[in-house]
Amino acid sequence: MDPLSHLLATDQRETLQFFFTGLRDVTAAEGVDQPALLYNASLLAHFASTSTFSIDRLPALNGLGEIFDRFVADPAVRHDTELMEWAAAHCLLFTGFFGDQLHNRHNLEWYGQLGANFYDLAASAAQEAARRHMMGRMSGEFVDWRRRYLRLARELRDQPYLLFG
């Protein structure tokens, strides 16, 4: 084993804390509440720790083209709350966090609207009131969260050698 591997390994809790702190810092002036921060940090932590080849949970998608193929071309999935949330979260990740890398290849505004619509569909199909509320909130605040994800990604790129202690 590499003698420095223990310095670079992180668990799910540390990954969640990393994104929570990052999002809290980029949204400090906006006064975003903790439930919204926690939800969004958990999305980023999930994607950071989920392979595109995962067999024990829904694998992360490879790009925006997959979102179109799986969720736009196949209307049968539109009544599945979990799949709509999953699709919306991917739209948020790709159009926000990876927006600088993808803006020349995709219409990010269109995919952003699609993501907000996916959250809206997830809200309308959700059984639990708290989940329905969060999905509706994410639909309404989608543009703001895209902007925050992009700002976080840019700040992280400015700190390429950040190590955790």
N, C-alpha and C. Protein backbone atom coordinates (compact mmCIF):
# COMPACT_ATOMS: atom_id res chain seq x y z
N MET A 1 0.84 -1.19 0.00
CA MET A 1 0.00 0.00 0.00
C MET A 1 0.87 1.24 0.00
N ASP A 2 0.47 2.22 -0.75
CA ASP A 2 1.17 3.50 -0.83
C ASP A 2 1.17 4.17 0.55
N PRO A 3 2.32 4.62 1.04
CA PRO A 3 2.37 5.22 2.38
C PRO A 3 1.57 6.52 2.52
N LEU A 4 1.22 7.16 1.40
CA LEU A 4 0.44 8.40 1.46
C LEU A 4 -1.05 8.17 1.21
N SER A 5 -1.46 6.93 0.92
CA SER A 5 -2.86 6.67 0.56
C SER A 5 -3.83 7.06 1.67
N HIS A 6 -3.43 6.89 2.92
CA HIS A 6 -4.32 7.26 4.02
C HIS A 6 -4.58 8.76 4.06
N LEU A 7 -3.69 9.56 3.46
CA LEU A 7 -3.90 11.00 3.41
C LEU A 7 -4.89 11.40 2.33
N LEU A 8 -5.05 10.56 1.32
CA LEU A 8 -5.89 10.90 0.19
C LEU A 8 -7.26 10.23 0.22
N ALA A 9 -7.41 9.20 1.01
CA ALA A 9 -8.68 8.47 1.06
C ALA A 9 -9.70 9.26 1.88
N THR A 10 -10.94 9.25 1.43
CA THR A 10 -12.02 9.89 2.17
C THR A 10 -13.19 8.94 2.24
N ASP A 11 -13.99 9.08 3.27
CA ASP A 11 -15.20 8.28 3.37
C ASP A 11 -16.39 9.15 2.99
N GLN A 12 -17.58 8.55 3.01
CA GLN A 12 -18.78 9.28 2.59
C GLN A 12 -19.04 10.51 3.45
N ARG A 13 -18.79 10.39 4.73
CA ARG A 13 -19.03 11.51 5.64
C ARG A 13 -18.09 12.67 5.32
N GLU A 14 -16.81 12.38 5.10
CA GLU A 14 -15.85 13.43 4.77
C GLU A 14 -16.18 14.08 3.43
N THR A 15 -16.62 13.28 2.48
CA THR A 15 -16.98 13.81 1.17
C THR A 15 -18.19 14.74 1.30
N LEU A 16 -19.18 14.32 2.07
CA LEU A 16 -20.35 15.16 2.31
C LEU A 16 -19.94 16.45 3.01
N GLN A 17 -19.08 16.36 4.01
CA GLN A 17 -18.63 17.56 4.73
C GLN A 17 -17.87 18.50 3.80
N PHE A 18 -17.05 17.95 2.91
CA PHE A 18 -16.30 18.76 1.96
C PHE A 18 -17.25 19.59 1.09
N PHE A 19 -18.26 18.95 0.52
CA PHE A 19 -19.18 19.68 -0.35
C PHE A 19 -20.11 20.60 0.45
N PHE A 20 -20.50 20.19 1.64
CA PHE A 20 -21.33 21.06 2.48
C PHE A 20 -20.59 22.35 2.79
N THR A 21 -19.33 22.22 3.19
CA THR A 21 -18.53 23.39 3.52
C THR A 21 -18.31 24.27 2.29
N GLY A 22 -18.02 23.65 1.15
CA GLY A 22 -17.84 24.40 -0.08
C GLY A 22 -19.07 25.16 -0.49
N LEU A 23 -20.22 24.49 -0.46
CA LEU A 23 -21.47 25.16 -0.82
C LEU A 23 -21.84 26.24 0.19
N ARG A 24 -21.59 25.97 1.46
CA ARG A 24 -21.87 26.98 2.49
C ARG A 24 -21.04 28.23 2.24
N ASP A 25 -19.78 28.02 1.86
CA ASP A 25 -18.90 29.17 1.61
C ASP A 25 -19.34 29.98 0.39
N VAL A 26 -19.74 29.31 -0.68
CA VAL A 26 -20.13 30.06 -1.89
C VAL A 26 -21.52 30.66 -1.79
N THR A 27 -22.31 30.23 -0.80
CA THR A 27 -23.66 30.77 -0.63
C THR A 27 -23.80 31.62 0.62
N ALA A 28 -22.70 31.90 1.31
CA ALA A 28 -22.75 32.61 2.60
C ALA A 28 -23.51 33.93 2.51
N ALA A 29 -23.28 34.69 1.47
CA ALA A 29 -23.93 36.00 1.32
C ALA A 29 -25.41 35.87 0.97
N GLU A 30 -25.82 34.70 0.51
CA GLU A 30 -27.21 34.52 0.07
C GLU A 30 -28.13 34.03 1.19
N GLY A 31 -27.58 33.54 2.28
CA GLY A 31 -28.39 33.06 3.38
C GLY A 31 -29.20 31.81 3.07
N VAL A 32 -28.62 30.88 2.34
CA VAL A 32 -29.29 29.62 2.02
C VAL A 32 -29.42 28.79 3.29
N ASP A 33 -30.58 28.17 3.49
CA ASP A 33 -30.79 27.41 4.72
C ASP A 33 -30.12 26.04 4.69
N GLN A 34 -29.96 25.47 5.86
CA GLN A 34 -29.22 24.22 6.01
C GLN A 34 -29.85 23.03 5.29
N PRO A 35 -31.17 22.84 5.30
CA PRO A 35 -31.72 21.70 4.55
C PRO A 35 -31.39 21.73 3.06
N ALA A 36 -31.45 22.90 2.45
CA ALA A 36 -31.12 23.01 1.03
C ALA A 36 -29.63 22.77 0.80
N LEU A 37 -28.79 23.31 1.69
CA LEU A 37 -27.36 23.06 1.58
C LEU A 37 -27.05 21.58 1.72
N LEU A 38 -27.67 20.95 2.69
CA LEU A 38 -27.41 19.53 2.94
C LEU A 38 -27.87 18.67 1.76
N TYR A 39 -29.03 18.98 1.22
CA TYR A 39 -29.53 18.22 0.07
C TYR A 39 -28.55 18.33 -1.10
N ASN A 40 -28.12 19.54 -1.41
CA ASN A 40 -27.24 19.74 -2.54
C ASN A 40 -25.84 19.19 -2.29
N ALA A 41 -25.34 19.31 -1.07
CA ALA A 41 -24.05 18.71 -0.75
C ALA A 41 -24.12 17.19 -0.88
N SER A 42 -25.26 16.62 -0.49
CA SER A 42 -25.40 15.16 -0.60
C SER A 42 -25.43 14.72 -2.05
N LEU A 43 -26.01 15.53 -2.93
CA LEU A 43 -25.98 15.21 -4.37
C LEU A 43 -24.55 15.19 -4.88
N LEU A 44 -23.81 16.24 -4.58
CA LEU A 44 -22.43 16.32 -5.06
C LEU A 44 -21.58 15.20 -4.46
N ALA A 45 -21.76 14.91 -3.18
CA ALA A 45 -21.01 13.82 -2.54
C ALA A 45 -21.36 12.48 -3.16
N HIS A 46 -22.63 12.29 -3.45
CA HIS A 46 -23.06 11.03 -4.09
C HIS A 46 -22.39 10.86 -5.44
N PHE A 47 -22.42 11.90 -6.26
CA PHE A 47 -21.81 11.79 -7.59
C PHE A 47 -20.30 11.64 -7.50
N ALA A 48 -19.68 12.26 -6.50
CA ALA A 48 -18.23 12.14 -6.34
C ALA A 48 -17.81 10.73 -5.94
N SER A 49 -18.74 9.98 -5.37
CA SER A 49 -18.39 8.64 -4.87
C SER A 49 -19.11 7.50 -5.58
N THR A 50 -19.81 7.79 -6.68
CA THR A 50 -20.55 6.76 -7.41
C THR A 50 -19.97 6.59 -8.81
N SER A 51 -19.63 5.38 -9.12
CA SER A 51 -19.08 5.07 -10.43
C SER A 51 -20.16 5.05 -11.51
N THR A 52 -19.74 5.27 -12.74
CA THR A 52 -20.67 5.12 -13.86
C THR A 52 -20.92 3.64 -14.15
N PHE A 53 -20.21 2.78 -13.45
CA PHE A 53 -20.38 1.33 -13.61
C PHE A 53 -20.87 0.67 -12.33
N SER A 54 -21.47 1.42 -11.44
CA SER A 54 -21.96 0.89 -10.17
C SER A 54 -23.01 -0.19 -10.40
N ILE A 55 -22.90 -1.27 -9.63
CA ILE A 55 -23.89 -2.34 -9.73
C ILE A 55 -24.78 -2.41 -8.49
N ASP A 56 -24.39 -1.73 -7.41
CA ASP A 56 -25.18 -1.79 -6.18
C ASP A 56 -26.12 -0.60 -6.01
N ARG A 57 -26.02 0.40 -6.87
CA ARG A 57 -26.94 1.54 -6.87
C ARG A 57 -27.00 2.11 -8.27
N LEU A 58 -27.89 3.06 -8.48
CA LEU A 58 -28.00 3.67 -9.80
C LEU A 58 -26.66 4.28 -10.18
N PRO A 59 -26.10 3.86 -11.30
CA PRO A 59 -24.80 4.42 -11.70
C PRO A 59 -24.94 5.88 -12.16
N ALA A 60 -23.88 6.63 -11.95
CA ALA A 60 -23.86 8.00 -12.44
C ALA A 60 -23.85 7.97 -13.97
N LEU A 61 -24.49 8.94 -14.58
CA LEU A 61 -24.51 9.02 -16.04
C LEU A 61 -23.21 9.62 -16.55
N ASN A 62 -22.91 9.36 -17.81
CA ASN A 62 -21.67 9.85 -18.42
C ASN A 62 -21.78 11.27 -18.96
N GLY A 63 -22.98 11.72 -19.24
CA GLY A 63 -23.11 13.06 -19.81
C GLY A 63 -24.55 13.42 -20.11
N LEU A 64 -24.73 14.62 -20.62
CA LEU A 64 -26.07 15.12 -20.90
C LEU A 64 -26.79 14.33 -21.99
N GLY A 65 -26.06 13.77 -22.93
CA GLY A 65 -26.68 12.96 -23.98
C GLY A 65 -27.43 11.77 -23.42
N GLU A 66 -26.90 11.18 -22.36
CA GLU A 66 -27.57 10.05 -21.72
C GLU A 66 -28.89 10.48 -21.08
N ILE A 67 -28.93 11.69 -20.56
CA ILE A 67 -30.17 12.20 -19.97
C ILE A 67 -31.25 12.27 -21.04
N PHE A 68 -30.88 12.78 -22.20
CA PHE A 68 -31.85 12.84 -23.28
C PHE A 68 -32.33 11.44 -23.66
N ASP A 69 -31.38 10.54 -23.87
CA ASP A 69 -31.74 9.18 -24.30
C ASP A 69 -32.61 8.45 -23.30
N ARG A 70 -32.32 8.59 -22.01
CA ARG A 70 -33.04 7.84 -20.98
C ARG A 70 -34.34 8.48 -20.51
N PHE A 71 -34.38 9.80 -20.48
CA PHE A 71 -35.50 10.46 -19.80
C PHE A 71 -36.37 11.34 -20.69
N VAL A 72 -35.88 11.73 -21.83
CA VAL A 72 -36.70 12.52 -22.74
C VAL A 72 -37.30 11.60 -23.80
N ALA A 73 -36.47 10.73 -24.34
CA ALA A 73 -36.93 9.83 -25.40
C ALA A 73 -37.87 8.75 -24.86
N ASP A 74 -37.82 8.46 -23.56
CA ASP A 74 -38.67 7.43 -22.96
C ASP A 74 -39.62 8.06 -21.95
N PRO A 75 -40.82 8.44 -22.38
CA PRO A 75 -41.76 9.11 -21.47
C PRO A 75 -42.32 8.20 -20.37
N ALA A 76 -42.10 6.90 -20.45
CA ALA A 76 -42.64 5.97 -19.46
C ALA A 76 -42.05 6.21 -18.07
N VAL A 77 -40.86 6.80 -17.97
CA VAL A 77 -40.21 6.98 -16.67
C VAL A 77 -40.68 8.26 -15.95
N ARG A 78 -41.51 9.05 -16.58
CA ARG A 78 -41.88 10.35 -16.01
C ARG A 78 -42.75 10.28 -14.76
N HIS A 79 -43.25 9.11 -14.43
CA HIS A 79 -44.08 8.98 -13.23
C HIS A 79 -43.33 8.32 -12.08
N ASP A 80 -42.04 8.09 -12.26
CA ASP A 80 -41.19 7.50 -11.24
C ASP A 80 -40.44 8.63 -10.52
N THR A 81 -40.85 8.91 -9.28
CA THR A 81 -40.27 10.02 -8.52
C THR A 81 -38.76 9.91 -8.40
N GLU A 82 -38.26 8.73 -8.06
CA GLU A 82 -36.82 8.56 -7.87
C GLU A 82 -36.05 8.79 -9.17
N LEU A 83 -36.55 8.27 -10.27
CA LEU A 83 -35.86 8.46 -11.55
C LEU A 83 -35.91 9.91 -12.00
N MET A 84 -37.01 10.60 -11.74
CA MET A 84 -37.09 12.00 -12.11
C MET A 84 -36.12 12.85 -11.26
N GLU A 85 -36.03 12.53 -9.99
CA GLU A 85 -35.07 13.23 -9.13
C GLU A 85 -33.64 12.94 -9.59
N TRP A 86 -33.38 11.70 -9.93
CA TRP A 86 -32.06 11.29 -10.40
C TRP A 86 -31.70 12.03 -11.68
N ALA A 87 -32.64 12.11 -12.62
CA ALA A 87 -32.41 12.83 -13.87
C ALA A 87 -32.18 14.32 -13.61
N ALA A 88 -33.00 14.90 -12.73
CA ALA A 88 -32.86 16.32 -12.40
C ALA A 88 -31.51 16.60 -11.76
N ALA A 89 -31.10 15.74 -10.85
CA ALA A 89 -29.82 15.92 -10.18
C ALA A 89 -28.65 15.85 -11.17
N HIS A 90 -28.76 14.96 -12.14
CA HIS A 90 -27.71 14.89 -13.17
C HIS A 90 -27.70 16.17 -14.02
N CYS A 91 -28.87 16.68 -14.35
CA CYS A 91 -28.93 17.94 -15.09
C CYS A 91 -28.26 19.05 -14.29
N LEU A 92 -28.52 19.07 -13.00
CA LEU A 92 -27.92 20.09 -12.13
C LEU A 92 -26.40 19.93 -12.08
N LEU A 93 -25.94 18.71 -11.93
CA LEU A 93 -24.50 18.45 -11.87
C LEU A 93 -23.82 18.87 -13.18
N PHE A 94 -24.34 18.41 -14.30
CA PHE A 94 -23.69 18.67 -15.59
C PHE A 94 -23.81 20.13 -16.02
N THR A 95 -24.98 20.74 -15.84
CA THR A 95 -25.14 22.13 -16.30
C THR A 95 -24.57 23.13 -15.31
N GLY A 96 -24.41 22.71 -14.04
CA GLY A 96 -23.85 23.58 -13.03
C GLY A 96 -22.38 23.32 -12.80
N PHE A 97 -22.08 22.26 -12.10
CA PHE A 97 -20.70 21.97 -11.71
C PHE A 97 -19.78 21.81 -12.91
N PHE A 98 -20.27 21.19 -13.97
CA PHE A 98 -19.45 20.98 -15.18
C PHE A 98 -19.85 21.92 -16.32
N GLY A 99 -20.53 22.99 -15.99
CA GLY A 99 -21.01 23.92 -17.00
C GLY A 99 -19.91 24.52 -17.86
N ASP A 100 -18.78 24.87 -17.26
CA ASP A 100 -17.68 25.45 -18.05
C ASP A 100 -17.16 24.47 -19.10
N GLN A 101 -17.14 23.20 -18.76
CA GLN A 101 -16.63 22.19 -19.69
C GLN A 101 -17.64 21.83 -20.78
N LEU A 102 -18.93 21.98 -20.50
CA LEU A 102 -19.95 21.49 -21.42
C LEU A 102 -20.67 22.57 -22.23
N HIS A 103 -20.44 23.83 -21.93
CA HIS A 103 -21.23 24.88 -22.58
C HIS A 103 -21.02 24.97 -24.09
N ASN A 104 -19.89 24.52 -24.60
CA ASN A 104 -19.67 24.55 -26.05
C ASN A 104 -20.28 23.35 -26.77
N ARG A 105 -20.63 22.31 -26.03
CA ARG A 105 -21.15 21.09 -26.66
C ARG A 105 -22.65 20.91 -26.51
N HIS A 106 -23.24 21.57 -25.52
CA HIS A 106 -24.66 21.36 -25.23
C HIS A 106 -25.34 22.70 -24.95
N ASN A 107 -26.64 22.72 -25.16
CA ASN A 107 -27.44 23.88 -24.81
C ASN A 107 -27.78 23.76 -23.32
N LEU A 108 -26.97 24.36 -22.47
CA LEU A 108 -27.12 24.22 -21.02
C LEU A 108 -28.42 24.83 -20.51
N GLU A 109 -28.89 25.88 -21.17
CA GLU A 109 -30.16 26.48 -20.74
C GLU A 109 -31.30 25.49 -20.95
N TRP A 110 -31.29 24.79 -22.08
CA TRP A 110 -32.33 23.82 -22.37
C TRP A 110 -32.28 22.67 -21.37
N TYR A 111 -31.07 22.15 -21.11
CA TYR A 111 -30.94 21.07 -20.14
C TYR A 111 -31.24 21.55 -18.71
N GLY A 112 -30.96 22.83 -18.44
CA GLY A 112 -31.32 23.39 -17.14
C GLY A 112 -32.83 23.44 -16.96
N GLN A 113 -33.54 23.85 -17.99
CA GLN A 113 -35.01 23.87 -17.93
C GLN A 113 -35.54 22.45 -17.80
N LEU A 114 -34.92 21.53 -18.52
CA LEU A 114 -35.30 20.13 -18.43
C LEU A 114 -35.12 19.61 -17.00
N GLY A 115 -33.99 19.97 -16.37
CA GLY A 115 -33.74 19.56 -14.99
C GLY A 115 -34.78 20.11 -14.03
N ALA A 116 -35.13 21.38 -14.19
CA ALA A 116 -36.17 21.98 -13.34
C ALA A 116 -37.49 21.26 -13.55
N ASN A 117 -37.80 20.91 -14.80
CA ASN A 117 -39.03 20.17 -15.09
C ASN A 117 -39.01 18.77 -14.47
N PHE A 118 -37.84 18.11 -14.48
CA PHE A 118 -37.72 16.80 -13.85
C PHE A 118 -37.99 16.90 -12.35
N TYR A 119 -37.45 17.95 -11.71
CA TYR A 119 -37.73 18.13 -10.28
C TYR A 119 -39.22 18.39 -10.05
N ASP A 120 -39.83 19.13 -10.94
CA ASP A 120 -41.27 19.39 -10.83
C ASP A 120 -42.07 18.09 -10.95
N LEU A 121 -41.68 17.24 -11.89
CA LEU A 121 -42.34 15.94 -12.04
C LEU A 121 -42.12 15.07 -10.80
N ALA A 122 -40.92 15.13 -10.24
CA ALA A 122 -40.63 14.37 -9.02
C ALA A 122 -41.50 14.87 -7.87
N ALA A 123 -41.69 16.17 -7.79
CA ALA A 123 -42.53 16.74 -6.73
C ALA A 123 -43.97 16.30 -6.88
N SER A 124 -44.47 16.31 -8.10
CA SER A 124 -45.88 15.96 -8.31
C SER A 124 -46.16 14.49 -8.05
N ALA A 125 -45.13 13.64 -8.16
CA ALA A 125 -45.33 12.20 -7.95
C ALA A 125 -44.91 11.74 -6.55
N ALA A 126 -44.31 12.63 -5.76
CA ALA A 126 -43.81 12.25 -4.43
C ALA A 126 -44.97 12.03 -3.46
N GLN A 127 -44.85 11.00 -2.65
CA GLN A 127 -45.86 10.68 -1.65
C GLN A 127 -45.64 11.45 -0.35
N GLU A 128 -44.38 11.61 0.06
CA GLU A 128 -44.06 12.27 1.33
C GLU A 128 -44.05 13.78 1.15
N ALA A 129 -44.64 14.48 2.12
CA ALA A 129 -44.75 15.94 2.03
C ALA A 129 -43.38 16.61 2.02
N ALA A 130 -42.45 16.13 2.85
CA ALA A 130 -41.12 16.75 2.92
C ALA A 130 -40.38 16.59 1.59
N ARG A 131 -40.50 15.44 0.99
CA ARG A 131 -39.84 15.20 -0.30
C ARG A 131 -40.49 16.04 -1.39
N ARG A 132 -41.82 16.08 -1.38
CA ARG A 132 -42.55 16.89 -2.36
C ARG A 132 -42.12 18.35 -2.25
N HIS A 133 -41.97 18.83 -1.01
CA HIS A 133 -41.55 20.21 -0.78
C HIS A 133 -40.14 20.44 -1.33
N MET A 134 -39.18 19.54 -1.03
CA MET A 134 -37.81 19.73 -1.48
C MET A 134 -37.70 19.65 -3.00
N MET A 135 -38.44 18.73 -3.60
CA MET A 135 -38.40 18.61 -5.06
C MET A 135 -38.99 19.86 -5.72
N GLY A 136 -40.07 20.37 -5.17
CA GLY A 136 -40.67 21.60 -5.68
C GLY A 136 -39.74 22.79 -5.50
N ARG A 137 -39.09 22.82 -4.37
CA ARG A 137 -38.14 23.90 -4.10
C ARG A 137 -36.96 23.84 -5.08
N MET A 138 -36.44 22.63 -5.32
CA MET A 138 -35.32 22.49 -6.24
C MET A 138 -35.73 22.88 -7.66
N SER A 139 -36.96 22.59 -8.03
CA SER A 139 -37.46 23.00 -9.33
C SER A 139 -37.46 24.53 -9.44
N GLY A 140 -37.97 25.18 -8.43
CA GLY A 140 -38.05 26.64 -8.45
C GLY A 140 -36.71 27.34 -8.32
N GLU A 141 -35.74 26.70 -7.65
CA GLU A 141 -34.43 27.31 -7.41
C GLU A 141 -33.35 26.71 -8.31
N PHE A 142 -33.75 25.99 -9.34
CA PHE A 142 -32.79 25.27 -10.17
C PHE A 142 -31.71 26.19 -10.74
N VAL A 143 -32.11 27.31 -11.28
CA VAL A 143 -31.15 28.26 -11.88
C VAL A 143 -30.16 28.75 -10.83
N ASP A 144 -30.65 29.05 -9.64
CA ASP A 144 -29.77 29.52 -8.57
C ASP A 144 -28.76 28.44 -8.18
N TRP A 145 -29.22 27.19 -8.07
CA TRP A 145 -28.30 26.12 -7.69
C TRP A 145 -27.30 25.83 -8.80
N ARG A 146 -27.72 25.95 -10.04
CA ARG A 146 -26.76 25.80 -11.15
C ARG A 146 -25.64 26.82 -11.01
N ARG A 147 -26.00 28.04 -10.74
CA ARG A 147 -25.02 29.12 -10.58
C ARG A 147 -24.10 28.84 -9.39
N ARG A 148 -24.66 28.34 -8.30
CA ARG A 148 -23.85 28.04 -7.11
C ARG A 148 -22.89 26.87 -7.38
N TYR A 149 -23.37 25.84 -8.06
CA TYR A 149 -22.51 24.71 -8.40
C TYR A 149 -21.35 25.18 -9.28
N LEU A 150 -21.64 26.03 -10.25
CA LEU A 150 -20.61 26.54 -11.14
C LEU A 150 -19.59 27.35 -10.36
N ARG A 151 -20.06 28.19 -9.45
CA ARG A 151 -19.15 28.99 -8.63
C ARG A 151 -18.27 28.09 -7.76
N LEU A 152 -18.85 27.04 -7.18
CA LEU A 152 -18.07 26.10 -6.38
C LEU A 152 -17.01 25.40 -7.23
N ALA A 153 -17.38 24.93 -8.41
CA ALA A 153 -16.43 24.27 -9.29
C ALA A 153 -15.27 25.19 -9.65
N ARG A 154 -15.57 26.44 -9.92
CA ARG A 154 -14.51 27.39 -10.25
C ARG A 154 -13.59 27.64 -9.07
N GLU A 155 -14.15 27.75 -7.89
CA GLU A 155 -13.33 27.94 -6.70
C GLU A 155 -12.45 26.72 -6.44
N LEU A 156 -13.00 25.54 -6.65
CA LEU A 156 -12.21 24.33 -6.44
C LEU A 156 -11.09 24.21 -7.49
N ARG A 157 -11.36 24.63 -8.70
CA ARG A 157 -10.31 24.62 -9.73
C ARG A 157 -9.18 25.59 -9.40
N ASP A 158 -9.51 26.66 -8.68
CA ASP A 158 -8.49 27.62 -8.27
C ASP A 158 -7.63 27.10 -7.12
N GLN A 159 -8.05 25.98 -6.52
CA GLN A 159 -7.31 25.36 -5.41
C GLN A 159 -7.00 23.90 -5.78
N PRO A 160 -6.23 23.66 -6.84
CA PRO A 160 -6.06 22.30 -7.34
C PRO A 160 -5.31 21.35 -6.41
N TYR A 161 -4.57 21.87 -5.46
CA TYR A 161 -3.79 20.98 -4.62
C TYR A 161 -4.27 20.98 -3.18
N LEU A 162 -5.54 21.23 -2.98
CA LEU A 162 -6.13 21.24 -1.66
C LEU A 162 -6.10 19.84 -1.07
N LEU A 163 -5.54 19.69 0.11
CA LEU A 163 -5.50 18.41 0.81
C LEU A 163 -6.31 18.52 2.09
N PHE A 164 -6.89 17.43 2.51
CA PHE A 164 -7.71 17.37 3.70
C PHE A 164 -6.86 16.88 4.86
N GLY A 165 -7.16 17.38 6.03
CA GLY A 165 -6.41 16.94 7.21
C GLY A 165 -7.24 16.20 8.18
